[in-house]
Amino acid sequence: VKRIRYNQHSSKNMEGFPLGSYEHGRRSHGEINKLCNELWPSTGYHLTVTHSTSQSINLLALAMIRKLHTICPPPYRIFTTTHEHEGGIGCFHHLPEFEVHYIEDDVLADPAEMASKLQKVKPHLAFFSHVFYDTGNLAPVENWFNIVRQTNPDCKIILDGAQSLGLYDVPFGVADVVVGSTHK
């Protein structure tokens, strides 16, 4: 093992030298990130490839709790649609610091009603899917982003592109976080 570790560069046996395996993984991850930046140019965003959309959102939810704790006490309100996938919105249900407010389609379809509901809920986070997993419908997220920003400028916006990445242009530029999934 010592001989292989000291001569990592001369061996192709990845199991024989974990440090070389790690380096190979880092190099491959960099190449994948470079390709993804070419496929989905996203000025103003830091693109990275992770294990899964659900895992990324879970980690994001935990980071948001830490950040929001420095601003105000819980509950932290989430403004979302009735069409969200459990893999995206589920972690917010399972963490007691969050309070999820599902908004019906008729409210979301009327900008004045949506603005009124946003003013009542006063969300800390808005969570929208670009394409609904249950209907396949493309959501008018850019309109929703604008209404959220006008009524609640401090509200962080998360766009779940798991159902749309590779099918539709991702509306980069307004959402604070965009997550997607290339396995579809």
Protein backbone atom coordinates (compact mmCIF):
# COMPACT_ATOMS: atom_id res chain seq x y z
CA VAL A 1 0.00 0.00 0.00
CA LYS A 2 2.82 2.42 0.87
CA ARG A 3 4.56 1.70 -2.43
CA ILE A 4 1.34 2.39 -4.38
CA ARG A 5 0.61 5.55 -2.37
CA TYR A 6 4.09 6.92 -3.06
CA ASN A 7 3.78 6.09 -6.75
CA GLN A 8 0.17 7.11 -7.31
CA HIS A 9 0.84 8.70 -10.65
CA SER A 10 2.17 5.43 -12.09
CA SER A 11 -0.86 3.30 -11.15
CA LYS A 12 -4.25 3.10 -12.78
CA ASN A 13 -5.67 1.14 -9.84
CA MET A 14 -8.00 3.68 -8.18
CA GLU A 15 -8.73 1.41 -5.20
CA GLY A 16 -5.01 1.27 -4.41
CA PHE A 17 -4.60 4.95 -3.68
CA PRO A 18 -7.54 6.94 -2.34
CA LEU A 19 -5.78 10.30 -2.68
CA GLY A 20 -5.41 9.70 -6.41
CA SER A 21 -9.04 8.66 -6.54
CA TYR A 22 -10.03 11.93 -4.86
CA GLU A 23 -7.93 13.92 -7.32
CA HIS A 24 -9.50 12.06 -10.24
CA GLY A 25 -12.94 12.86 -8.81
CA ARG A 26 -12.09 16.56 -8.39
CA ARG A 27 -10.74 16.76 -11.94
CA SER A 28 -13.84 15.01 -13.34
CA HIS A 29 -16.14 17.26 -11.30
CA GLY A 30 -14.37 20.32 -12.71
CA GLU A 31 -14.83 19.05 -16.26
CA ILE A 32 -18.52 18.39 -15.62
CA ASN A 33 -18.98 21.87 -14.12
CA LYS A 34 -17.26 23.42 -17.13
CA LEU A 35 -19.60 21.59 -19.52
CA CYS A 36 -22.66 22.56 -17.46
CA ASN A 37 -21.56 26.22 -17.51
CA GLU A 38 -21.48 25.99 -21.31
CA LEU A 39 -24.92 24.34 -21.46
CA TRP A 40 -26.55 26.67 -18.93
CA PRO A 41 -24.71 30.00 -18.87
CA SER A 42 -25.89 31.73 -15.72
CA THR A 43 -24.28 35.11 -15.16
CA GLY A 44 -24.44 36.08 -11.51
CA TYR A 45 -24.83 32.50 -10.29
CA HIS A 46 -22.28 29.98 -9.06
CA LEU A 47 -23.06 26.73 -10.84
CA THR A 48 -22.13 23.44 -9.23
CA VAL A 49 -23.06 19.83 -9.79
CA THR A 50 -24.20 17.92 -6.70
CA HIS A 51 -25.68 14.53 -5.89
CA SER A 52 -29.37 15.37 -6.21
CA THR A 53 -31.86 18.20 -6.28
CA SER A 54 -33.49 16.93 -3.08
CA GLN A 55 -30.18 16.78 -1.23
CA SER A 56 -29.26 20.27 -2.43
CA ILE A 57 -32.57 21.69 -1.24
CA ASN A 58 -32.20 19.91 2.12
CA LEU A 59 -28.81 21.53 2.61
CA LEU A 60 -30.17 24.87 1.43
CA ALA A 61 -33.03 24.66 3.94
CA LEU A 62 -30.58 24.04 6.79
CA ALA A 63 -28.39 26.95 5.66
CA MET A 64 -31.46 29.21 5.42
CA ILE A 65 -32.44 28.34 8.99
CA ARG A 66 -28.99 29.42 10.20
CA LYS A 67 -29.19 32.66 8.23
CA LEU A 68 -32.79 33.46 9.20
CA HIS A 69 -32.02 32.81 12.89
CA THR A 70 -29.71 35.85 12.74
CA ILE A 71 -32.58 38.02 11.47
CA CYS A 72 -35.73 36.88 13.32
CA PRO A 73 -37.22 33.97 15.25
CA PRO A 74 -39.13 31.15 13.51
CA PRO A 75 -41.48 30.19 12.02
CA TYR A 76 -40.03 31.02 8.61
CA ARG A 77 -42.82 31.21 6.08
CA ILE A 78 -42.63 29.56 2.65
CA PHE A 79 -44.90 30.77 -0.18
CA THR A 80 -45.43 28.04 -2.78
CA THR A 81 -47.84 26.35 -5.17
CA THR A 82 -49.94 23.22 -4.72
CA HIS A 83 -47.88 21.56 -7.48
CA GLU A 84 -44.56 21.12 -5.71
CA HIS A 85 -42.76 17.79 -5.68
CA GLU A 86 -42.09 16.19 -2.30
CA GLY A 87 -38.39 16.01 -3.17
CA GLY A 88 -38.28 19.79 -3.42
CA ILE A 89 -40.66 21.14 -0.81
CA GLY A 90 -40.64 18.15 1.57
CA CYS A 91 -37.68 19.20 3.69
CA PHE A 92 -39.48 22.41 4.64
CA HIS A 93 -42.33 20.29 6.06
CA HIS A 94 -39.99 18.19 8.14
CA LEU A 95 -38.10 21.05 9.74
CA PRO A 96 -40.20 22.65 12.51
CA GLU A 97 -38.72 26.10 11.86
CA PHE A 98 -40.63 26.36 8.56
CA GLU A 99 -44.29 27.02 7.89
CA VAL A 100 -45.38 26.15 4.33
CA HIS A 101 -48.21 28.14 2.73
CA TYR A 102 -49.64 26.46 -0.36
CA ILE A 103 -51.31 28.93 -2.69
CA GLU A 104 -54.12 27.82 -5.00
CA ASP A 105 -53.91 28.26 -8.77
CA ASP A 106 -56.70 30.84 -8.97
CA VAL A 107 -54.77 33.14 -6.59
CA LEU A 108 -51.52 32.68 -8.52
CA ALA A 109 -53.33 33.42 -11.80
CA ASP A 110 -54.47 36.85 -10.58
CA PRO A 111 -51.54 39.25 -9.95
CA ALA A 112 -53.56 41.44 -7.57
CA GLU A 113 -54.74 38.44 -5.54
CA MET A 114 -51.25 37.00 -5.46
CA ALA A 115 -49.82 40.32 -4.26
CA SER A 116 -52.50 40.50 -1.57
CA LYS A 117 -51.73 36.97 -0.40
CA LEU A 118 -48.00 37.75 -0.34
CA GLN A 119 -48.67 40.80 1.82
CA LYS A 120 -50.69 38.66 4.25
CA VAL A 121 -48.25 35.75 4.43
CA LYS A 122 -45.08 37.88 4.46
CA PRO A 123 -42.91 34.97 3.33
CA HIS A 124 -39.22 34.59 4.00
CA LEU A 125 -38.90 32.22 1.03
CA ALA A 126 -40.85 31.72 -2.19
CA PHE A 127 -40.45 28.28 -3.75
CA PHE A 128 -41.65 27.70 -7.32
CA SER A 129 -41.23 24.88 -9.81
CA HIS A 130 -40.46 25.94 -13.37
CA VAL A 131 -42.51 22.99 -14.68
CA PHE A 132 -45.04 21.24 -12.47
CA TYR A 133 -44.24 17.57 -11.95
CA ASP A 134 -47.93 16.64 -11.59
CA THR A 135 -49.30 18.36 -14.72
CA GLY A 136 -46.26 19.07 -16.88
CA ASN A 137 -47.38 22.70 -17.17
CA LEU A 138 -44.78 25.43 -17.58
CA ALA A 139 -45.34 27.91 -14.74
CA PRO A 140 -45.24 31.67 -15.33
CA VAL A 141 -42.42 31.98 -12.80
CA GLU A 142 -40.96 35.19 -14.19
CA ASN A 143 -44.28 36.95 -13.54
CA TRP A 144 -44.40 35.43 -10.06
CA PHE A 145 -40.81 36.50 -9.36
CA ASN A 146 -41.73 40.10 -10.22
CA ILE A 147 -44.79 40.08 -7.95
CA VAL A 148 -42.76 38.62 -5.07
CA ARG A 149 -40.01 41.23 -5.53
CA GLN A 150 -42.54 44.08 -5.68
CA THR A 151 -44.44 43.02 -2.55
CA ASN A 152 -41.69 41.38 -0.47
CA PRO A 153 -38.28 42.60 -1.67
CA ASP A 154 -36.38 40.71 1.06
CA CYS A 155 -38.03 37.38 0.28
CA LYS A 156 -35.56 34.84 -1.12
CA ILE A 157 -36.75 33.03 -4.25
CA ILE A 158 -35.91 29.41 -5.02
CA LEU A 159 -36.62 28.04 -8.49
CA ASP A 160 -36.89 24.27 -8.83
CA GLY A 161 -35.91 23.39 -12.39
CA ALA A 162 -35.79 19.62 -11.86
CA GLN A 163 -38.57 19.03 -14.39
CA SER A 164 -37.42 21.61 -16.95
CA LEU A 165 -33.64 21.57 -17.17
CA GLY A 166 -32.69 20.66 -20.71
CA LEU A 167 -36.24 21.13 -22.00
CA TYR A 168 -36.76 24.87 -21.51
CA ASP A 169 -34.50 27.87 -21.10
CA VAL A 170 -33.94 28.42 -17.40
CA PRO A 171 -35.01 31.93 -16.36
CA PHE A 172 -31.78 32.96 -14.67
CA GLY A 173 -31.53 36.44 -13.24
CA VAL A 174 -34.19 36.94 -10.57
CA ALA A 175 -34.35 33.79 -8.42
CA ASP A 176 -31.76 33.72 -5.67
CA VAL A 177 -31.23 29.98 -6.10
CA VAL A 178 -31.93 27.75 -9.09
CA VAL A 179 -31.76 23.99 -8.65
CA GLY A 180 -32.15 21.44 -11.40
CA SER A 181 -31.76 17.84 -12.27
CA THR A 182 -30.14 16.34 -15.34
CA HIS A 183 -31.51 12.82 -14.86
CA LYS A 184 -34.87 13.51 -16.48
